[in-house]
């Protein structure tokens, strides 16, 4: 006589078929996730890029005219 163990396999649960509600739920969740990641990426990019001050490098142009002796200013 041979002794064999009885097989104790668990029955697999039947898979739910893909319904429109289930597909729509995953599309909405995925879309929201990508939208949120895009907003975070734009915020990080905005914070990392420095905008230079327009008046920082501005220097007025001045001209000084002297008399022919080079010591006295005309204007």
Protein backbone atom coordinates (compact mmCIF):
# COMPACT_ATOMS: atom_id res chain seq x y z
CA UNK A 1 0.00 0.00 0.00
CA UNK A 2 1.30 3.37 -0.83
CA UNK A 3 0.53 6.35 1.29
CA UNK A 4 0.02 9.60 -0.52
CA UNK A 5 -0.88 12.91 0.91
CA UNK A 6 -4.18 14.27 -0.14
CA UNK A 7 -3.79 17.41 -2.20
CA UNK A 8 -4.90 20.52 -0.38
CA UNK A 9 -5.12 23.09 -3.09
CA UNK A 10 -6.97 26.24 -2.39
CA UNK A 11 -9.60 27.07 -4.89
CA UNK A 12 -8.75 30.21 -6.82
CA UNK A 13 -11.25 32.98 -6.64
CA UNK A 14 -12.82 33.66 -10.00
CA UNK A 15 -11.60 36.91 -11.51
CA UNK A 16 -14.07 39.67 -11.97
CA UNK A 17 -14.54 40.58 -15.59
CA UNK A 18 -13.41 44.03 -16.64
CA UNK A 19 -16.41 46.27 -16.54
CA UNK A 20 -16.72 49.82 -17.81
CA UNK A 21 -16.93 51.12 -14.25
CA UNK A 22 -13.72 49.38 -13.30
CA UNK A 23 -11.90 50.61 -16.41
CA UNK A 24 -13.20 54.14 -15.89
CA UNK A 25 -12.06 54.08 -12.26
CA UNK A 26 -8.50 53.13 -13.28
CA UNK A 27 -8.42 55.74 -16.02
CA UNK A 28 -9.53 58.45 -13.57
CA UNK A 29 -7.03 57.33 -10.89
CA UNK A 30 -4.19 57.17 -13.43
CA UNK A 31 -5.13 60.54 -14.92
CA UNK A 32 -5.27 62.18 -11.50
CA UNK A 33 -1.90 60.69 -10.59
CA UNK A 34 -0.24 62.00 -13.76
CA UNK A 35 -1.91 65.40 -13.30
CA UNK A 36 -0.64 65.61 -9.71
CA UNK A 37 2.88 64.58 -10.74
CA UNK A 38 2.84 67.21 -13.50
CA UNK A 39 1.79 69.94 -11.07
CA UNK A 40 4.56 68.90 -8.65
CA UNK A 41 7.12 68.89 -11.50
CA UNK A 42 6.09 72.39 -12.62
CA UNK A 43 6.27 73.69 -9.04
CA UNK A 44 9.76 72.23 -8.54
CA UNK A 45 10.94 73.63 -11.89
CA UNK A 46 9.54 77.06 -11.01
CA UNK A 47 11.34 77.04 -7.67
CA UNK A 48 14.67 75.89 -9.17
CA UNK A 49 14.88 78.45 -11.99
CA UNK A 50 16.16 81.80 -10.83
CA UNK A 51 14.78 84.89 -12.55
CA UNK A 52 17.40 87.65 -12.70
CA UNK A 53 16.56 91.15 -11.55
CA UNK A 54 16.14 93.40 -14.58
CA UNK A 55 17.66 96.42 -12.81
CA UNK A 56 20.66 94.62 -11.30
CA UNK A 57 22.86 94.98 -14.39
CA UNK A 58 21.52 98.36 -15.43
CA UNK A 59 24.10 101.10 -15.40
CA UNK A 60 23.49 104.63 -16.53
CA UNK A 61 25.61 105.89 -19.37
CA UNK A 62 27.33 109.13 -18.56
CA UNK A 63 29.56 111.29 -20.68
CA UNK A 64 31.85 113.93 -19.24
CA UNK A 65 33.28 116.57 -21.53
CA UNK A 66 36.40 118.52 -20.56
CA UNK A 67 37.97 121.69 -21.90
CA UNK A 68 41.13 121.29 -23.92
CA UNK A 69 43.28 121.59 -20.77
CA UNK A 70 41.73 118.26 -19.52
CA UNK A 71 41.09 119.61 -16.00
CA UNK A 72 37.89 121.62 -16.17
CA UNK A 73 34.55 119.98 -16.93
CA UNK A 74 32.28 121.45 -19.56
CA UNK A 75 29.31 119.36 -18.59
